[in-house]
Protein backbone atom coordinates (compact mmCIF):
# COMPACT_ATOMS: atom_id res chain seq x y z
CA ILE A 1 0.07 0.05 -0.06
CA LEU A 2 1.89 3.18 -1.18
CA PHE A 3 0.77 6.75 0.02
CA ARG A 4 0.94 9.64 -2.66
CA ASN A 5 -0.21 13.11 -3.46
CA ASP A 6 -2.32 13.40 -6.64
CA GLU A 7 -5.08 15.71 -8.24
CA HIS A 8 -7.31 14.96 -5.36
CA GLY A 9 -4.89 15.48 -2.56
CA LYS A 10 -3.53 12.49 -0.31
CA SER A 11 -4.68 9.02 -1.60
CA LEU A 12 -3.86 5.69 -1.44
CA TYR A 13 -2.42 3.19 -4.45
CA LEU A 14 -1.65 -0.59 -4.07
CA SER A 15 1.18 -2.77 -6.07
CA ARG A 16 1.37 -6.45 -6.08
CA PHE A 17 4.39 -8.33 -6.19
CA SER A 18 4.54 -11.51 -8.44
CA GLY A 19 7.99 -12.84 -6.84
CA GLU A 20 10.21 -10.73 -9.03
CA GLU A 21 9.10 -7.37 -9.41
CA TRP A 22 6.13 -4.90 -8.48
CA SER A 23 3.12 -3.81 -10.60
CA ASP A 24 2.47 -0.60 -11.66
CA PRO A 25 0.79 1.44 -8.50
CA GLU A 26 -2.95 1.85 -9.17
CA LYS A 27 -4.81 3.94 -7.47
CA LEU A 28 -7.00 2.43 -4.96
CA PRO A 29 -11.14 3.12 -5.49
CA PHE A 30 -14.05 4.69 -4.29
CA PRO A 31 -14.94 4.94 -1.39
CA ILE A 32 -11.61 4.03 0.02
CA ASN A 33 -10.33 7.12 -1.58
CA SER A 34 -12.11 10.19 -1.23
CA PHE A 35 -11.95 13.74 -1.46
CA ALA A 36 -10.37 13.87 2.30
CA GLU A 37 -6.95 12.98 2.92
CA GLU A 38 -6.16 9.17 3.16
CA THR A 39 -2.51 8.79 4.37
CA HIS A 40 -1.82 5.41 5.44
CA GLY A 41 -2.66 1.41 4.59
CA SER A 42 -2.32 -1.80 5.59
CA ILE A 43 -3.49 -4.89 4.00
CA SER A 44 -3.97 -8.64 6.12
CA ALA A 45 -2.30 -11.83 5.01
CA ASP A 46 -4.84 -12.97 3.22
CA LYS A 47 -5.52 -10.09 1.33
CA SER A 48 -8.84 -9.76 1.94
CA THR A 49 -9.02 -7.04 4.86
CA LEU A 50 -7.71 -3.27 4.32
CA PHE A 51 -7.18 -0.82 7.75
CA PHE A 52 -6.16 2.60 6.25
CA THR A 53 -6.38 6.23 7.92
CA SER A 54 -9.04 8.87 5.90
CA ASP A 55 -9.67 12.20 7.90
CA ARG A 56 -13.50 12.21 6.13
CA GLU A 57 -16.69 13.55 7.54
CA GLY A 58 -18.24 11.47 10.17
CA GLY A 59 -15.48 10.48 11.87
CA TYR A 60 -14.65 10.96 15.78
CA GLY A 61 -11.79 14.13 15.05
CA GLY A 62 -8.83 13.85 13.08
CA LEU A 63 -7.17 11.00 11.05
CA ASP A 64 -9.40 8.22 12.16
CA ILE A 65 -8.60 4.29 11.36
CA TYR A 66 -11.20 2.40 8.67
CA MET A 67 -11.24 -1.01 7.89
CA VAL A 68 -12.97 -2.52 4.17
CA LYS A 69 -13.41 -6.00 3.45
CA ARG A 70 -13.08 -7.63 -0.33
CA ASP A 71 -16.51 -9.51 -1.75
CA ILE A 72 -16.60 -12.98 -3.45
CA HIS A 73 -15.54 -11.19 -6.61
CA GLY A 74 -12.47 -9.91 -4.91
CA ASN A 75 -14.12 -6.48 -5.28
CA TRP A 76 -13.95 -3.92 -1.94
CA GLY A 77 -17.28 -3.04 -0.03
CA LYS A 78 -17.99 -0.19 2.18
CA PRO A 79 -15.72 0.82 4.87
CA HIS A 80 -16.49 0.91 8.29
CA ASN A 81 -14.95 3.23 11.21
CA LEU A 82 -13.32 1.07 13.94
CA GLY A 83 -15.41 2.86 16.34
CA PRO A 84 -14.36 5.08 19.59
CA ARG A 85 -12.77 1.98 21.35
CA ILE A 86 -9.71 3.04 18.63
CA ASN A 87 -10.56 6.21 16.90
CA THR A 88 -10.56 9.21 18.97
CA GLU A 89 -10.44 12.96 18.69
CA TYR A 90 -7.23 13.48 17.84
CA ASP A 91 -4.93 11.74 15.16
CA GLU A 92 -4.57 7.78 14.70
CA GLU A 93 -2.59 6.69 12.26
CA THR A 94 -0.22 3.97 10.93
CA PRO A 95 -2.47 1.29 11.11
CA MET A 96 -0.37 -2.12 10.73
CA ILE A 97 -2.75 -5.45 10.79
CA HIS A 98 -0.46 -8.32 12.06
CA TYR A 99 -0.01 -11.64 9.87
CA ASP A 100 -2.45 -13.03 13.00
CA GLY A 101 -5.22 -11.22 11.04
CA LYS A 102 -6.24 -9.92 14.73
CA THR A 103 -3.64 -7.73 16.16
CA LEU A 104 -3.33 -4.24 15.16
CA TYR A 105 -1.02 -2.12 15.81
CA PHE A 106 -1.17 1.96 15.24
CA SER A 107 -0.19 5.28 16.25
CA SER A 108 -2.39 7.75 18.52
CA GLU A 109 -2.11 11.03 19.98
CA GLY A 110 -5.28 9.86 22.13
CA HIS A 111 -5.93 7.52 24.96
CA ASN A 112 -2.96 7.54 27.67
CA SER A 113 -0.47 8.70 25.14
CA MET A 114 2.86 10.33 26.58
CA GLY A 115 2.92 13.27 23.69
CA ARG A 116 2.54 12.77 20.24
CA LEU A 117 2.34 10.04 18.94
CA ASP A 118 3.27 6.80 20.41
CA VAL A 119 2.50 3.14 19.13
CA PHE A 120 -0.69 0.88 20.75
CA TYR A 121 -2.28 -2.45 19.85
CA ALA A 122 -5.62 -3.90 20.31
CA GLU A 123 -7.01 -7.54 19.06
CA MET A 124 -10.07 -8.16 17.68
CA LEU A 125 -12.25 -10.47 19.16
CA GLN A 126 -14.31 -13.17 18.74
CA ASP A 127 -17.72 -10.50 18.01
CA SER A 128 -15.26 -8.63 15.74
CA SER A 129 -14.98 -5.68 18.37
CA TRP A 130 -12.02 -4.35 19.68
CA SER A 131 -10.08 -4.79 23.10
CA LYS A 132 -8.79 -1.73 25.03
CA PRO A 133 -5.91 -0.25 23.36
CA VAL A 134 -2.67 -0.96 24.83
CA ASN A 135 0.25 1.55 24.68
CA LEU A 136 3.73 -0.31 24.09
CA GLY A 137 4.94 2.11 26.68
CA TYR A 138 9.26 3.55 27.55
CA PRO A 139 11.53 2.95 25.58
CA ILE A 140 9.64 2.51 22.72
CA ASN A 141 6.85 5.61 23.17
CA THR A 142 8.46 8.81 24.32
CA PRO A 143 7.23 12.43 23.78
CA ALA A 144 8.36 12.31 20.20
CA ASP A 145 6.53 10.74 17.85
CA ASP A 146 6.60 6.64 17.28
CA PHE A 147 4.88 5.18 14.64
CA PHE A 148 4.86 2.92 11.57
CA PHE A 149 5.22 0.05 14.06
CA VAL A 150 5.72 -3.37 12.00
CA PRO A 151 6.32 -6.89 14.07
CA THR A 152 7.53 -10.08 12.60
CA VAL A 153 5.72 -12.80 12.41
CA ASN A 154 6.50 -14.56 15.81
CA LYS A 155 6.71 -10.71 17.30
CA SER A 156 9.79 -11.56 18.98
CA HIS A 157 11.07 -8.32 16.83
CA ALA A 158 9.57 -4.74 15.47
CA TYR A 159 10.88 -2.13 13.19
CA TYR A 160 9.21 1.28 13.58
CA ALA A 161 9.95 5.03 12.83
CA SER A 162 11.32 7.77 15.86
CA SER A 163 13.05 10.43 16.18
CA LYS A 164 13.59 10.44 19.51
CA PHE A 165 17.25 9.25 19.58
CA GLU A 166 20.12 11.80 20.42
CA ASP A 167 22.04 8.98 17.69
CA ASN A 168 19.52 9.51 14.55
CA TYR A 169 20.54 10.92 11.74
CA GLY A 170 18.20 13.31 11.50
CA GLY A 171 14.17 13.28 11.11
CA SER A 172 13.10 10.36 11.75
CA ASP A 173 14.75 7.09 12.02
CA ILE A 174 13.95 3.52 11.20
CA TYR A 175 14.98 1.36 14.48
CA ARG A 176 15.00 -2.31 15.51
CA VAL A 177 13.26 -3.48 18.79
CA LYS A 178 13.75 -6.67 20.73
CA PHE A 179 11.34 -8.13 22.83
CA GLU A 180 11.91 -10.58 25.52
CA ASN A 181 8.90 -12.69 25.63
CA ASN A 182 7.51 -14.31 22.29
CA SER A 183 3.82 -13.48 22.13
CA ASP A 184 1.31 -16.33 23.35
CA THR A 185 0.30 -17.01 19.59
CA GLU A 186 2.93 -19.10 17.54
CA LEU A 187 1.83 -18.96 13.87
CA ALA A 188 2.88 -21.70 10.91
CA VAL A 189 3.25 -20.44 7.43
CA VAL A 190 1.68 -22.78 4.65
CA GLU A 191 3.24 -22.44 1.09
CA GLY A 192 0.84 -23.77 -1.44
CA THR A 193 -0.11 -24.03 -4.98
CA VAL A 194 -3.95 -23.78 -6.61
CA ASN A 195 -4.18 -26.74 -7.79
CA PRO A 196 -4.52 -25.82 -11.92
CA ALA A 197 -7.38 -29.12 -12.25
CA LEU A 198 -10.00 -26.48 -10.71
CA SER A 199 -8.88 -23.40 -13.23
CA THR A 200 -5.91 -21.56 -14.95
CA HIS A 201 -7.65 -18.19 -13.92
CA MET A 202 -6.22 -17.58 -10.85
CA GLU A 203 -8.22 -14.23 -10.50
CA ASP A 204 -10.92 -15.47 -10.06
CA MET A 205 -9.91 -18.63 -7.69
CA ARG A 206 -10.18 -18.08 -3.49
CA ILE A 207 -8.08 -20.04 -0.84
CA LEU A 208 -11.06 -20.24 2.21
CA VAL A 209 -9.54 -21.37 5.38
CA THR A 210 -11.86 -22.55 8.28
CA ARG A 211 -10.96 -23.09 11.69
CA ARG A 212 -12.56 -26.85 12.19
CA LYS A 213 -12.88 -26.36 16.18
CA ASP A 214 -15.53 -23.76 15.93
CA ASN A 215 -16.13 -23.52 12.03
CA ARG A 216 -14.80 -20.09 11.74
CA LEU A 217 -13.83 -18.61 8.65
CA VAL A 218 -10.15 -17.16 9.59
CA GLY A 219 -8.78 -16.81 6.21
CA ASP A 220 -10.05 -15.52 2.83
CA TYR A 221 -6.85 -16.04 0.64
CA ARG A 222 -6.40 -15.03 -3.07
CA PRO A 223 -3.36 -16.65 -4.92
CA ASN A 224 -0.22 -15.18 -7.17
CA THR A 225 -2.00 -14.02 -10.61
CA ARG A 226 0.77 -15.28 -12.24
CA LYS A 227 2.25 -18.56 -10.58
CA GLY A 228 -0.35 -19.18 -8.39
CA THR A 229 1.05 -20.02 -5.04
CA PHE A 230 0.10 -18.64 -2.15
CA LEU A 231 0.85 -18.36 1.41
CA LEU A 232 -1.48 -19.08 4.82
CA PHE A 233 -0.31 -18.11 8.32
CA LEU A 234 -2.08 -20.10 10.92
CA GLU A 235 -2.36 -20.10 14.03
CA ILE A 236 -0.61 -23.48 15.94
CA GLY A 237 -2.31 -26.03 17.84
CA TYR A 238 -5.89 -26.36 15.46
CA GLU A 239 -6.71 -28.30 12.65
CA TYR A 240 -8.20 -25.88 9.44
CA GLU A 241 -10.52 -26.91 6.54
CA VAL A 242 -8.72 -25.26 3.27
CA LYS A 243 -11.00 -25.21 -0.07
CA GLN A 244 -9.69 -24.28 -2.94
CA THR A 245 -13.20 -22.65 -4.81
CA ASP A 246 -13.11 -20.72 -8.11
CA SER A 247 -15.70 -18.30 -9.54
CA ASN A 248 -18.15 -22.18 -11.08
CA GLU A 249 -18.13 -22.93 -7.62
CA ASN A 250 -15.31 -25.90 -8.41
CA GLU A 251 -13.73 -26.59 -5.30
CA LYS A 252 -10.96 -28.82 -4.16
CA ILE A 253 -10.96 -29.51 0.04
CA ALA A 254 -7.66 -30.79 2.33
CA TYR A 255 -7.32 -30.82 5.52
CA VAL A 256 -4.46 -29.06 7.73
CA ASN A 257 -3.20 -29.98 11.07
CA VAL A 258 -1.00 -27.40 12.42
CA THR A 259 0.89 -28.41 15.14
CA SER A 260 4.10 -26.47 17.34
CA GLU A 261 6.37 -28.46 15.23
CA MET A 262 5.15 -26.09 12.06
CA SER A 263 5.97 -22.91 13.98
CA TYR A 264 7.66 -20.10 12.04
CA LEU A 265 9.56 -19.24 15.40
CA HIS A 266 10.94 -22.91 15.49
CA ASN A 267 11.69 -23.66 11.54
CA LYS A 268 11.94 -19.61 10.33
CA LYS A 269 10.48 -21.00 6.59
CA PRO A 270 7.53 -21.91 5.61
CA VAL A 271 6.04 -25.39 5.02
CA LEU A 272 4.97 -26.90 2.13
CA PHE A 273 1.10 -27.44 1.74
CA LYS A 274 1.54 -30.93 -0.22
CA ASP A 275 3.81 -31.95 2.87
CA VAL A 276 1.06 -31.85 5.29
CA ALA A 277 -2.23 -31.68 3.61
CA MET A 278 -4.84 -34.63 4.60
CA GLY A 279 -7.23 -35.82 2.50
CA ALA A 280 -10.67 -34.82 2.99
CA PRO A 281 -12.56 -37.52 5.47
CA LEU A 282 -15.60 -39.57 3.52
CA GLN A 283 -18.02 -37.25 5.14
CA ARG A 284 -18.05 -33.77 5.16
CA VAL A 285 -19.15 -33.62 8.82
CA ILE A 286 -17.57 -31.24 11.51
CA ASP A 287 -15.06 -33.69 14.08
CA GLN A 288 -15.68 -32.57 17.53
CA GLU A 289 -12.33 -31.87 19.17
CA ILE A 290 -11.37 -32.75 22.25
CA GLU A 291 -10.86 -29.77 24.63
CA ASP A 292 -8.42 -31.67 27.51
CA PHE A 293 -7.29 -34.38 27.99
CA THR A 294 -9.44 -36.42 30.01
CA GLN A 295 -8.21 -35.81 33.87
CA PHE A 296 -6.35 -39.39 34.50
CA ALA A 297 -4.24 -39.05 31.16
CA LYS A 298 -3.50 -35.54 31.97
CA ASN A 299 -2.29 -35.97 35.72
CA LYS A 300 0.03 -39.13 34.25
CA LEU A 301 1.19 -37.37 31.38
CA GLN A 302 2.26 -33.54 33.84
CA ASN A 303 3.95 -36.35 35.70
CA GLU A 304 5.70 -38.51 33.29
CA VAL A 305 7.23 -35.77 31.42
CA LYS A 306 9.85 -33.90 33.43
CA GLU A 307 12.50 -31.29 32.68
CA SER A 308 15.22 -34.30 33.32
CA PHE A 309 15.95 -37.78 32.76
CA LEU A 310 14.38 -40.15 35.21
CA THR A 311 16.16 -43.28 35.04
CA GLU A 312 16.32 -45.57 37.96
CA ILE A 313 13.15 -47.58 38.49
CA THR A 314 13.13 -49.53 41.67
CA LYS A 315 10.53 -51.50 42.99
CA ASN A 316 9.68 -51.42 46.52
CA LYS A 317 6.78 -48.51 45.96
CA THR A 318 3.69 -48.58 44.47
CA VAL A 319 1.29 -46.20 42.61
CA ALA A 320 -2.53 -46.78 43.07
CA GLU A 321 -4.22 -47.15 39.79
CA GLY A 322 -6.00 -44.40 38.84
CA ASN A 323 -4.76 -41.47 40.71
CA ALA A 324 -2.06 -38.55 39.96
CA ILE A 325 1.15 -40.17 40.80
CA LYS A 326 3.50 -37.67 43.00
CA THR A 327 6.89 -37.01 42.49
CA ASP A 328 9.32 -35.87 44.31
CA GLU A 329 11.86 -33.72 42.06
CA SER A 330 15.31 -35.44 43.46
CA LYS A 331 13.74 -38.79 43.74
CA PRO A 332 12.64 -41.24 40.74
CA ILE A 333 9.34 -42.26 39.93
CA VAL A 334 8.90 -46.06 41.00
CA TYR A 335 7.04 -48.39 39.95
CA LYS A 336 4.87 -51.87 40.93
CA GLU A 337 6.27 -53.55 38.18
CA ASP A 338 9.06 -53.55 35.25
CA VAL A 339 8.22 -52.15 32.03
CA GLN A 340 8.81 -54.32 28.97
CA PRO A 341 9.42 -52.87 25.91
CA ALA A 342 6.85 -53.07 22.81
CA GLN A 343 7.19 -56.38 21.34
CA THR A 344 6.41 -56.78 17.20
CA LEU A 345 3.34 -58.43 16.34
CA PRO A 346 2.64 -61.01 12.94
CA VAL A 347 0.80 -58.83 10.27
CA ASP A 348 -2.55 -59.11 10.54
CA HIS A 349 -4.65 -58.59 7.33
CA LYS A 350 -7.70 -59.13 8.90
CA LYS A 351 -10.59 -56.20 9.26
CA SER A 352 -11.28 -54.89 12.77
CA ALA A 353 -14.89 -54.36 13.66
CA VAL A 354 -14.49 -50.57 12.73
CA GLY A 355 -13.32 -51.64 8.87
CA ARG A 356 -9.44 -51.11 9.32
CA VAL A 357 -6.53 -53.15 7.91
CA ALA A 358 -4.51 -53.26 10.48
CA LEU A 359 -1.19 -53.97 9.22
CA THR A 360 0.90 -54.08 12.63
CA ASN A 361 0.51 -51.99 15.60
CA THR A 362 4.00 -51.49 15.95
CA PHE A 363 6.39 -48.89 14.05
CA ASP A 364 8.44 -50.45 11.72
CA ALA A 365 8.82 -48.15 8.06
CA SER A 366 10.81 -51.09 6.03
CA LYS A 367 7.18 -52.74 6.28
CA ASN A 368 5.26 -50.62 4.14
CA ALA A 369 7.53 -47.23 3.15
CA GLU A 370 4.37 -45.77 2.04
CA GLY A 371 2.08 -46.23 4.27
CA TYR A 372 1.07 -43.50 7.49
CA THR A 373 1.26 -43.53 10.75
CA MET A 374 -0.10 -41.86 14.02
CA GLN A 375 1.92 -39.26 16.13
CA LEU A 376 0.81 -38.92 19.21
CA PHE A 377 2.96 -36.07 20.37
CA ALA A 378 6.48 -35.52 20.46
CA LEU A 379 8.75 -34.17 23.25
CA LYS A 380 11.94 -31.33 22.85
CA LYS A 381 13.30 -32.28 26.50
CA GLY A 382 13.60 -35.57 26.25
CA PRO A 383 12.18 -39.20 26.23
CA LEU A 384 9.46 -40.04 28.96
CA ASN A 385 11.62 -42.44 31.52
CA SER A 386 9.17 -45.29 30.23
CA LEU A 387 6.13 -46.25 28.24
CA LYS A 388 3.64 -47.24 31.20
CA ILE A 389 1.48 -43.87 30.23
CA PHE A 390 0.11 -45.55 26.93
CA THR A 391 -0.01 -48.97 28.18
CA ASP A 392 -2.08 -48.08 30.72
CA ASN A 393 -4.54 -46.93 28.56
CA GLY A 394 -4.60 -49.73 26.49
CA LEU A 395 -1.78 -48.63 23.63
CA GLN A 396 0.24 -51.98 24.10
CA ASN A 397 2.95 -51.05 20.96
CA VAL A 398 3.98 -47.24 20.98
CA SER A 399 7.61 -46.98 19.19
CA GLU A 400 9.53 -44.25 21.11
CA VAL A 401 11.45 -42.67 18.12
CA ARG A 402 14.45 -40.29 18.35
CA CYS A 403 15.15 -37.36 15.84
CA VAL A 404 17.25 -35.87 14.35
CA ASP A 405 15.73 -32.24 14.77
CA GLY A 406 16.24 -32.74 18.88
CA TYR A 407 12.56 -34.43 19.28
CA THR A 408 10.91 -37.32 20.83
CA ARG A 409 8.01 -38.57 18.51
CA TYR A 410 5.61 -41.65 20.06
CA ILE A 411 4.34 -43.48 17.21
CA TYR A 412 1.55 -45.76 16.53
CA GLY A 413 0.20 -48.19 13.99
CA VAL A 414 1.19 -48.55 10.42
CA TYR A 415 -1.71 -48.34 7.37
CA ASP A 416 -1.26 -48.89 4.24
CA ASP A 417 -4.08 -46.21 3.56
CA TYR A 418 -4.73 -42.36 4.53
CA LYS A 419 -8.68 -43.53 5.38
CA ALA A 420 -7.24 -46.14 7.71
CA THR A 421 -5.02 -43.79 9.72
CA LEU A 422 -7.75 -41.82 10.00
CA GLN A 423 -10.31 -43.89 11.19
CA GLN A 424 -7.75 -44.92 13.89
CA LYS A 425 -7.07 -41.32 15.01
CA ARG A 426 -10.52 -40.32 15.32
CA GLU A 427 -10.93 -43.27 17.93
CA LEU A 428 -8.04 -42.37 19.90
CA MET A 429 -9.27 -38.40 19.95
CA PHE A 430 -13.11 -39.81 21.11
CA SER A 431 -11.63 -41.97 23.52
CA GLY A 432 -10.06 -39.10 25.32
CA GLN A 433 -6.87 -40.39 25.82
CA PHE A 434 -4.99 -38.29 23.08
CA GLU A 435 -5.54 -33.90 22.75
CA ASP A 436 -4.16 -34.12 19.35
CA VAL A 437 -3.02 -37.08 16.70
CA TRP A 438 -1.32 -36.28 14.18
CA ILE A 439 -1.65 -38.49 10.95
CA ARG A 440 2.26 -38.77 9.12
CA PRO A 441 3.55 -40.66 6.36
CA ILE A 442 5.76 -43.28 7.14
CA ARG A 443 8.47 -41.99 4.65
CA ASP A 444 8.73 -38.42 6.46
CA VAL A 445 9.14 -40.32 10.05
CA GLU A 446 11.91 -42.94 9.05
CA ASN A 447 13.22 -39.60 6.95
CA LEU A 448 13.64 -37.70 10.30
CA LYS A 449 15.04 -40.77 12.71
CA VAL A 450 18.24 -40.73 14.08
CA LYS A 451 20.07 -43.38 12.03
């Protein structure tokens, strides 16, 4: 989004990056631009929502921040003032919407400003209203003008303009600030390409992203019109429906389970959509999501996963079945009996009651390198001291896989097709034993495994 002085005063222009070069700026249409002054704009990561400033009539005073959305045809709708929670009788300037689509950074002379323009942030709530703006405080804000605050994807760093420091080179300089604590909201960056079987007219394509937990549309993306590529910015910890659709309502649906391992904070690079997309279920239904572990499983996991490795197992104490394990940080967890390692079961090609084909329950990539398995969870700090948490809950053959990225993954089952794996995943989720289960191609796990 560019600002220019033209025959109508101060106006906003849009330039698109093709992947190689920027297009010639195009003036944004009325009523985004008006006969008043429009001084700055910021577009959301999915390119569907524009935030901009204007001093047009009907505002709360000075420059106000407005929001406008695209319709299903890609045309801009009617701008809406963000209201008195954001706008004041003074100037609000330089809005910047974060990649998460809900955190708005802006500068204001109002609210509890320290003097002139200070940087604030507010979050869009579930009902599309806004939280109370928060002043970022000193040393970011000072009695001088502080503005154009632009955070990184994980909000660990930001860039902004200020004229407050003695070491500036004149006027307002650009500064970089680092935050000690990263945001609670971590994002994964998922890179994909539109399926060419749907359409070759990329300008007609939309990528609609719905969070399955609450069936909320969280992204309305448009692909690069030249290459058909797109970037999705998705909050970790949720499963999403990703629908590619064109103007003729042709569509292709896939599902993405965004885990902490996909976080941009850890990877510093996008995750390829083709590597994480899952096929659609047999029926178009929204799976019930498991909010929490059952209390039994939660208590055991909290005590099994320790900060340091627990290696000594003795036989002189017992742990009552069904109660949370009480631990002493200086002593090992004690079990009534030794834990036996998982044993390889013979291949069984018979179908079970739910109709799936179980090849074997012990992870062995050599059995079926092109099949699928289920990752129950992954630990960064070290492996569990035993597999008793699984055996107590009826899973007798969970495999522990040490991986080159430093994680220890706990894998269950080997299946020859995706649908069979999905059915088993649903059973585990509905049993309440696990908060989430990730279906992974066996080849991926084999590539990660420490040789």
